[in-house]
Amino acid sequence: MADTVVLIHGAWLTPSVWDRFRQRYEAAGMTVIAPPWPCFDRPIDALRARPDPRLARLGLRAIVDHHAALVEALPHPPILIGHGFGGLVAQLLLDRGLGAAGVAIASAPPFGVAPRPPALWTALPTLFGWNRVLRLSQRSFSHGFAQTLPAAEKSYVYEKFVVPAPGRIFVETLFGIGTRLRGRTSARAPLLLIAGAEDRTAPPGMVRANHRRQRRAPSVTAFHLFPGRSHWLCNERGWEDVADRALGWAVEHTR
């Protein structure tokens, strides 16, 4: 059984978004690694005030390669769990034959999965971000990321977690640049796709469409929907259920 979990954060965030998952998994006896993306290895205040200039040119391939090198250096294949763009990175790593099992939570879509209207609307400000560092406004975060949070919590969460992101990754995902999966020929490990029923960034219909495509792979592919959850489902009320479902399924299906 795999005893190591690699947690992959998504756009606009840092590894601190995984603190609750990390503590819960470590208490269960797992070794947990939550690496930052390239250009994200600084305190949140520094990332906001002085983003690394290289961030403007950071693409998905570099992010996936960065995580692949980390996974390949481990003594045994780990469980891969990603959220948002981190979920897409996890799928691309699995497609390379890495990992013992994978969970993609509210994942950005791979090539061939069309973004649904709510996702397009939420992502609209990012579509002119090639070679730019983008900032997510508090209004956009409140509407597209965490609309199910109580109003009093939204400002606190935004200030604690949200940082600039590379605009290139949004354009690449929209046009399917570097996000194609091999489908029937993939030797990937088992994969669970998780969606939040109220998610406006990765709507459940989009995650279901991804599930249908991923089922072409010969290994196990599963889907789970959490009712009443937004894109912030890894940290909003009931996050424990998401954490336990992800790890429990992955441990059960580890190849």
Protein backbone atom coordinates (compact mmCIF):
# COMPACT_ATOMS: atom_id res chain seq x y z
CA MET A 1 0.00 0.00 0.00
CA ALA A 2 1.23 3.51 -0.79
CA ASP A 3 1.99 5.42 2.41
CA THR A 4 2.94 8.75 0.83
CA VAL A 5 0.54 11.42 -0.45
CA VAL A 6 1.55 14.26 -2.76
CA LEU A 7 -0.89 17.18 -2.55
CA ILE A 8 -0.90 19.48 -5.58
CA HIS A 9 -2.38 22.95 -5.18
CA GLY A 10 -4.14 24.85 -7.94
CA ALA A 11 -4.04 28.33 -9.44
CA TRP A 12 -4.31 31.40 -7.18
CA LEU A 13 -3.17 29.33 -4.18
CA THR A 14 -0.11 27.96 -2.36
CA PRO A 15 0.54 24.72 -0.45
CA SER A 16 -0.94 26.33 2.67
CA VAL A 17 -4.37 25.56 1.23
CA TRP A 18 -3.63 21.90 2.09
CA ASP A 19 -2.82 22.43 5.79
CA ARG A 20 -6.02 20.76 6.99
CA PHE A 21 -5.61 17.77 4.67
CA ARG A 22 -1.95 17.45 5.61
CA GLN A 23 -2.66 17.35 9.35
CA ARG A 24 -5.51 14.87 8.91
CA TYR A 25 -3.49 12.54 6.70
CA GLU A 26 -0.41 12.68 8.92
CA ALA A 27 -2.60 11.81 11.90
CA ALA A 28 -3.68 8.75 9.91
CA GLY A 29 -0.05 7.68 9.54
CA MET A 30 0.63 8.95 6.02
CA THR A 31 3.71 10.81 4.86
CA VAL A 32 2.48 14.00 3.17
CA ILE A 33 4.30 16.21 0.68
CA ALA A 34 2.72 19.46 -0.52
CA PRO A 35 5.22 21.15 -2.85
CA PRO A 36 4.82 24.66 -4.23
CA TRP A 37 4.66 25.29 -7.95
CA PRO A 38 7.76 26.82 -9.54
CA CYS A 39 8.01 30.52 -8.56
CA PHE A 40 5.69 29.94 -5.56
CA ASP A 41 8.31 29.04 -2.95
CA ARG A 42 8.00 32.26 -0.96
CA PRO A 43 5.71 33.59 1.80
CA ILE A 44 2.25 34.65 0.66
CA ASP A 45 2.89 38.33 1.45
CA ALA A 46 5.97 38.29 -0.80
CA LEU A 47 4.11 36.49 -3.59
CA ARG A 48 1.47 39.20 -3.54
CA ALA A 49 3.75 42.20 -3.28
CA ARG A 50 6.54 41.04 -5.63
CA PRO A 51 5.56 38.12 -7.87
CA ASP A 52 8.51 36.41 -9.51
CA PRO A 53 8.82 37.88 -13.05
CA ARG A 54 9.23 34.34 -14.40
CA LEU A 55 5.68 33.61 -13.28
CA ALA A 56 4.35 35.35 -16.40
CA ARG A 57 5.87 32.63 -18.60
CA LEU A 58 5.13 29.64 -16.39
CA GLY A 59 3.19 27.01 -18.32
CA LEU A 60 1.57 23.69 -17.52
CA ARG A 61 4.43 21.64 -18.94
CA ALA A 62 6.88 23.21 -16.51
CA ILE A 63 4.50 22.67 -13.59
CA VAL A 64 3.95 19.02 -14.51
CA ASP A 65 7.68 18.42 -15.07
CA HIS A 66 8.40 20.00 -11.68
CA HIS A 67 6.05 17.59 -9.91
CA ALA A 68 7.15 14.63 -12.03
CA ALA A 69 10.75 15.08 -10.88
CA LEU A 70 9.62 15.12 -7.27
CA VAL A 71 7.46 12.00 -7.67
CA GLU A 72 10.17 10.10 -9.54
CA ALA A 73 12.64 10.82 -6.74
CA LEU A 74 10.46 9.09 -4.13
CA PRO A 75 11.28 5.50 -3.18
CA HIS A 76 7.74 4.28 -3.97
CA PRO A 77 4.90 5.63 -6.14
CA PRO A 78 2.73 7.97 -4.05
CA ILE A 79 -0.95 8.78 -4.05
CA LEU A 80 -1.51 12.00 -6.04
CA ILE A 81 -4.28 14.38 -4.94
CA GLY A 82 -4.80 17.69 -6.71
CA HIS A 83 -7.36 20.48 -6.64
CA GLY A 84 -8.34 22.74 -9.54
CA PHE A 85 -5.33 23.05 -11.82
CA GLY A 86 -3.61 20.73 -9.38
CA GLY A 87 -6.21 18.12 -10.32
CA LEU A 88 -5.25 18.52 -13.97
CA VAL A 89 -1.56 18.21 -13.05
CA ALA A 90 -2.37 15.01 -11.15
CA GLN A 91 -4.11 13.57 -14.23
CA LEU A 92 -1.19 14.48 -16.49
CA LEU A 93 1.22 12.82 -14.05
CA LEU A 94 -0.92 9.68 -13.97
CA ASP A 95 -0.97 9.73 -17.77
CA ARG A 96 2.84 9.55 -17.70
CA GLY A 97 2.60 6.36 -15.64
CA LEU A 98 3.44 8.06 -12.34
CA GLY A 99 1.68 7.57 -9.02
CA ALA A 100 -0.03 4.62 -7.33
CA ALA A 101 -3.51 6.21 -7.50
CA GLY A 102 -4.88 9.66 -8.15
CA VAL A 103 -7.69 11.95 -7.04
CA ALA A 104 -8.60 15.08 -9.02
CA ILE A 105 -10.83 17.42 -7.00
CA ALA A 106 -12.81 20.03 -8.96
CA SER A 107 -10.25 19.67 -11.73
CA ALA A 108 -9.51 21.95 -14.64
CA PRO A 109 -10.40 20.10 -17.86
CA PRO A 110 -7.95 18.20 -20.07
CA PHE A 111 -8.06 18.43 -23.86
CA GLY A 112 -11.39 17.31 -25.28
CA VAL A 113 -13.51 18.39 -22.31
CA ALA A 114 -15.26 21.63 -23.15
CA PRO A 115 -15.53 24.21 -20.35
CA ARG A 116 -19.14 24.76 -19.31
CA PRO A 117 -20.65 28.30 -19.46
CA PRO A 118 -20.20 28.98 -15.71
CA ALA A 119 -16.53 28.02 -15.96
CA LEU A 120 -16.01 30.19 -19.04
CA TRP A 121 -17.65 33.14 -17.35
CA THR A 122 -15.52 32.68 -14.24
CA ALA A 123 -12.34 32.36 -16.33
CA LEU A 124 -13.14 35.22 -18.73
CA PRO A 125 -10.70 37.73 -17.15
CA THR A 126 -7.84 35.23 -17.58
CA LEU A 127 -8.17 34.65 -21.31
CA PHE A 128 -5.84 37.51 -22.26
CA GLY A 129 -3.16 36.43 -19.80
CA TRP A 130 -0.47 35.00 -22.07
CA ASN A 131 2.90 36.23 -20.70
CA ARG A 132 1.14 38.03 -17.86
CA VAL A 133 0.89 37.62 -14.10
CA LEU A 134 -2.77 37.78 -13.15
CA ARG A 135 -4.49 38.71 -9.92
CA LEU A 136 -7.82 37.33 -8.74
CA SER A 137 -10.09 40.02 -7.33
CA GLN A 138 -11.93 39.45 -4.09
CA ARG A 139 -15.20 39.81 -5.97
CA SER A 140 -14.24 37.08 -8.45
CA PHE A 141 -13.07 34.83 -5.63
CA SER A 142 -16.33 35.34 -3.75
CA HIS A 143 -18.45 34.68 -6.84
CA GLY A 144 -16.58 31.90 -8.63
CA PHE A 145 -14.51 30.17 -5.97
CA ALA A 146 -16.27 30.36 -2.64
CA GLN A 147 -19.83 31.59 -3.05
CA THR A 148 -21.08 29.04 -0.49
CA LEU A 149 -18.94 30.51 2.30
CA PRO A 150 -20.62 32.80 4.84
CA ALA A 151 -20.07 36.43 3.86
CA ALA A 152 -18.07 37.10 7.02
CA GLU A 153 -15.51 34.42 6.07
CA LYS A 154 -14.88 35.41 2.45
CA SER A 155 -12.61 38.38 3.13
CA TYR A 156 -10.58 36.45 5.69
CA VAL A 157 -10.10 33.45 3.40
CA TYR A 158 -9.19 35.67 0.45
CA GLU A 159 -6.52 37.52 2.44
CA LYS A 160 -5.11 34.30 3.89
CA PHE A 161 -4.82 32.19 0.76
CA VAL A 162 -5.12 33.99 -2.60
CA VAL A 163 -2.00 34.96 -4.60
CA PRO A 164 -1.25 35.93 -8.25
CA ALA A 165 -1.19 33.21 -10.90
CA PRO A 166 0.41 32.69 -14.33
CA GLY A 167 -2.03 33.68 -17.05
CA ARG A 168 -0.45 31.29 -19.54
CA ILE A 169 -1.96 28.18 -17.91
CA PHE A 170 -5.52 29.42 -18.46
CA VAL A 171 -4.92 30.04 -22.16
CA GLU A 172 -3.21 26.66 -22.53
CA THR A 173 -6.17 24.90 -20.92
CA LEU A 174 -8.73 26.74 -23.01
CA PHE A 175 -6.98 25.66 -26.24
CA GLY A 176 -5.87 22.24 -25.00
CA ILE A 177 -2.16 23.02 -25.20
CA GLY A 178 -0.27 20.28 -23.38
CA THR A 179 -3.38 18.80 -21.77
CA ARG A 180 -4.11 15.85 -24.06
CA LEU A 181 -4.46 12.46 -22.34
CA ARG A 182 -3.79 9.14 -24.04
CA GLY A 183 -7.15 7.55 -23.19
CA ARG A 184 -7.35 3.88 -24.14
CA THR A 185 -3.58 3.55 -24.46
CA SER A 186 -2.86 5.08 -21.05
CA ALA A 187 -1.23 2.86 -18.43
CA ARG A 188 -2.30 5.22 -15.68
CA ALA A 189 -3.14 4.25 -12.11
CA PRO A 190 -6.75 4.32 -10.80
CA LEU A 191 -8.37 7.75 -10.75
CA LEU A 192 -11.20 9.34 -8.75
CA LEU A 193 -12.78 12.57 -9.99
CA ILE A 194 -14.55 14.65 -7.34
CA ALA A 195 -16.97 17.52 -8.03
CA GLY A 196 -18.86 20.05 -5.94
CA ALA A 197 -22.51 20.44 -6.91
CA GLU A 198 -22.38 24.26 -6.62
CA ASP A 199 -18.94 24.70 -8.19
CA ARG A 200 -18.84 27.53 -10.74
CA THR A 201 -15.16 27.12 -11.64
CA ALA A 202 -15.25 23.37 -12.33
CA PRO A 203 -19.00 22.70 -12.72
CA PRO A 204 -20.12 19.14 -12.07
CA GLY A 205 -21.19 18.68 -15.71
CA MET A 206 -17.64 19.40 -16.81
CA VAL A 207 -16.19 16.97 -14.28
CA ARG A 208 -18.68 14.30 -15.39
CA ALA A 209 -17.63 14.84 -19.02
CA ASN A 210 -14.02 14.38 -17.96
CA HIS A 211 -15.04 11.18 -16.16
CA ARG A 212 -16.62 9.81 -19.33
CA ARG A 213 -13.40 10.42 -21.26
CA GLN A 214 -11.16 9.04 -18.54
CA ARG A 215 -13.20 5.84 -18.40
CA ARG A 216 -11.62 4.90 -21.73
CA ALA A 217 -8.44 4.02 -19.83
CA PRO A 218 -8.17 0.36 -18.82
CA SER A 219 -7.77 1.12 -15.11
CA VAL A 220 -10.50 2.03 -12.60
CA THR A 221 -12.08 5.48 -12.99
CA ALA A 222 -14.69 6.76 -10.52
CA PHE A 223 -16.76 9.90 -9.93
CA HIS A 224 -18.14 11.36 -6.71
CA LEU A 225 -20.36 14.43 -6.27
CA PHE A 226 -20.51 16.39 -3.02
CA PRO A 227 -23.83 18.27 -2.73
CA GLY A 228 -23.87 21.92 -1.71
CA ARG A 229 -20.13 22.45 -2.22
CA SER A 230 -18.35 25.20 -4.15
CA HIS A 231 -14.87 25.20 -5.66
CA TRP A 232 -13.63 25.79 -2.12
CA LEU A 233 -14.76 22.31 -1.03
CA CYS A 234 -11.35 21.36 0.38
CA ASN A 235 -11.65 24.07 3.04
CA GLU A 236 -15.32 24.89 3.51
CA ARG A 237 -17.61 23.24 6.02
CA GLY A 238 -17.50 19.46 5.60
CA TRP A 239 -13.97 19.44 4.16
CA GLU A 240 -13.25 16.36 6.30
CA ASP A 241 -15.65 14.33 4.16
CA VAL A 242 -13.78 15.37 1.02
CA ALA A 243 -10.40 14.55 2.57
CA ASP A 244 -11.55 11.15 3.81
CA ARG A 245 -13.26 10.20 0.56
CA ALA A 246 -10.14 11.11 -1.44
CA LEU A 247 -7.67 9.22 0.73
CA GLY A 248 -9.95 6.26 1.46
CA TRP A 249 -10.69 5.65 -2.21
CA ALA A 250 -7.05 6.06 -3.22
CA VAL A 251 -5.78 3.65 -0.56
CA GLU A 252 -8.44 1.09 -1.51
CA HIS A 253 -7.57 1.28 -5.21
CA THR A 254 -3.80 1.69 -5.04
CA ARG A 255 -2.30 -0.45 -7.74
